Amino acid sequence: MSFSTRILLFLGGITGAAGVMLAAASYHGGNAVLQSAALICLANGPALLGLSLLARATPVALGAGLVMALGTLLFAGDLAAVTYLGNSLFRMAAPVGGTAVIVGWLLAALAALLPARQD
């Protein structure tokens, strides 16, 4: 397993764990904003794990995963920052992150259509 694939696998695990923590915080605090952040993490964490397994055969899957991971960090991170710090990460962080997540999913779909690398 390559270093970049292991990084993507690591990011998938961290994203899933963050999703569970955000879901717990949302439940105990009754915060719908954190619930949205949790949903994004819990949807994208397993996708990142899957993309890490496909990355060797289909390099576009690695790109999809990296874009999705960055988008998830920006989107969920911005929602958490607004909730806990009262400030956004930066102007338009959540929309930029959400757009990156969408692009990541579209790249994942593209990876399914491209021929796999034969080793």
Protein backbone atom coordinates (compact mmCIF):
# COMPACT_ATOMS: atom_id res chain seq x y z
CA MET A 1 0.00 0.00 0.00
CA SER A 2 1.50 3.34 -1.04
CA PHE A 3 2.00 6.27 1.31
CA SER A 4 -0.71 8.33 -0.40
CA THR A 5 -3.17 5.45 -0.13
CA ARG A 6 -2.38 5.03 3.57
CA ILE A 7 -2.91 8.78 4.08
CA LEU A 8 -6.33 8.51 2.44
CA LEU A 9 -7.19 5.49 4.61
CA PHE A 10 -6.09 7.46 7.69
CA LEU A 11 -8.21 10.45 6.66
CA GLY A 12 -11.21 8.17 6.21
CA GLY A 13 -10.81 6.81 9.72
CA ILE A 14 -10.34 10.26 11.24
CA THR A 15 -13.33 11.60 9.32
CA GLY A 16 -15.53 8.77 10.56
CA ALA A 17 -14.39 9.30 14.15
CA ALA A 18 -15.04 13.04 13.85
CA GLY A 19 -18.52 12.26 12.55
CA VAL A 20 -19.33 10.15 15.60
CA MET A 21 -18.02 12.86 17.94
CA LEU A 22 -19.99 15.56 16.15
CA ALA A 23 -23.13 13.41 16.24
CA ALA A 24 -22.74 12.92 19.99
CA ALA A 25 -22.17 16.65 20.52
CA SER A 26 -25.19 17.43 18.37
CA TYR A 27 -27.41 15.00 20.25
CA HIS A 28 -26.36 16.15 23.70
CA GLY A 29 -26.42 19.83 22.78
CA GLY A 30 -29.43 19.78 20.48
CA ASN A 31 -27.48 21.56 17.76
CA ALA A 32 -28.72 21.09 14.18
CA VAL A 33 -25.60 22.71 12.72
CA LEU A 34 -23.37 20.07 14.32
CA GLN A 35 -25.80 17.42 13.08
CA SER A 36 -25.11 18.60 9.52
CA ALA A 37 -21.36 18.45 10.12
CA ALA A 38 -21.74 14.94 11.55
CA LEU A 39 -23.77 13.80 8.55
CA ILE A 40 -21.13 15.01 6.10
CA CYS A 41 -18.36 13.26 8.04
CA LEU A 42 -20.30 10.03 8.47
CA ALA A 43 -21.19 9.95 4.76
CA ASN A 44 -17.72 10.78 3.49
CA GLY A 45 -15.58 8.81 5.98
CA PRO A 46 -16.61 5.40 4.60
CA ALA A 47 -16.34 6.75 1.05
CA LEU A 48 -12.74 7.75 1.76
CA LEU A 49 -12.01 4.25 3.05
CA GLY A 50 -13.41 2.77 -0.15
CA LEU A 51 -11.56 5.20 -2.38
CA SER A 52 -8.30 4.37 -0.62
CA LEU A 53 -8.79 0.73 -1.61
CA LEU A 54 -9.47 1.68 -5.24
CA ALA A 55 -6.65 4.21 -5.53
CA ARG A 56 -4.03 1.72 -6.71
CA ALA A 57 -6.12 0.43 -9.60
CA THR A 58 -7.67 3.78 -10.49
CA PRO A 59 -5.55 6.85 -9.73
CA VAL A 60 -8.57 9.13 -10.20
CA ALA A 61 -9.94 7.52 -7.02
CA LEU A 62 -6.98 8.93 -5.09
CA GLY A 63 -7.70 12.42 -6.44
CA ALA A 64 -11.38 12.00 -5.64
CA GLY A 65 -10.55 11.03 -2.09
CA LEU A 66 -8.17 13.91 -1.52
CA VAL A 67 -10.65 16.45 -2.87
CA MET A 68 -13.44 14.88 -0.81
CA ALA A 69 -11.30 14.89 2.34
CA LEU A 70 -10.36 18.55 1.91
CA GLY A 71 -13.97 19.48 1.22
CA THR A 72 -15.19 17.57 4.26
CA LEU A 73 -12.60 19.29 6.45
CA LEU A 74 -13.63 22.72 5.19
CA PHE A 75 -17.37 22.11 5.37
CA ALA A 76 -17.62 20.29 8.69
CA GLY A 77 -14.74 22.28 10.16
CA ASP A 78 -16.42 25.56 9.32
CA LEU A 79 -19.72 24.47 10.88
CA ALA A 80 -17.90 23.36 14.03
CA ALA A 81 -15.86 26.59 14.14
CA VAL A 82 -19.00 28.71 13.89
CA THR A 83 -20.64 26.63 16.63
CA TYR A 84 -17.75 26.55 19.09
CA LEU A 85 -15.72 29.67 18.25
CA GLY A 86 -18.40 31.97 16.89
CA ASN A 87 -16.37 32.60 13.74
CA SER A 88 -16.04 30.99 10.34
CA LEU A 89 -12.72 29.46 9.27
CA PHE A 90 -12.74 31.99 6.43
CA ARG A 91 -15.37 33.65 4.30
CA MET A 92 -17.21 31.06 2.17
CA ALA A 93 -15.38 28.10 3.78
CA ALA A 94 -18.52 25.94 4.03
CA PRO A 95 -19.69 26.57 0.44
CA VAL A 96 -16.17 25.98 -0.91
CA GLY A 97 -15.94 22.79 1.15
CA GLY A 98 -19.37 21.62 0.04
CA THR A 99 -18.46 22.22 -3.59
CA ALA A 100 -15.24 20.26 -3.12
CA VAL A 101 -17.20 17.36 -1.63
CA ILE A 102 -19.51 17.35 -4.65
CA VAL A 103 -16.50 17.42 -7.00
CA GLY A 104 -14.96 14.55 -5.02
CA TRP A 105 -18.09 12.46 -5.47
CA LEU A 106 -18.20 13.27 -9.19
CA LEU A 107 -14.54 12.23 -9.51
CA ALA A 108 -15.40 8.98 -7.71
CA ALA A 109 -18.13 8.37 -10.30
CA LEU A 110 -15.65 9.16 -13.08
CA ALA A 111 -13.16 6.68 -11.59
CA ALA A 112 -15.76 3.95 -12.07
CA LEU A 113 -15.94 4.70 -15.79
CA LEU A 114 -12.21 4.77 -16.46
CA PRO A 115 -10.25 1.59 -17.17
CA ALA A 116 -8.42 0.14 -14.19
CA ARG A 117 -4.65 -0.01 -14.20
CA GLN A 118 -3.31 -3.51 -14.87
CA ASP A 119 -0.28 -4.48 -12.77
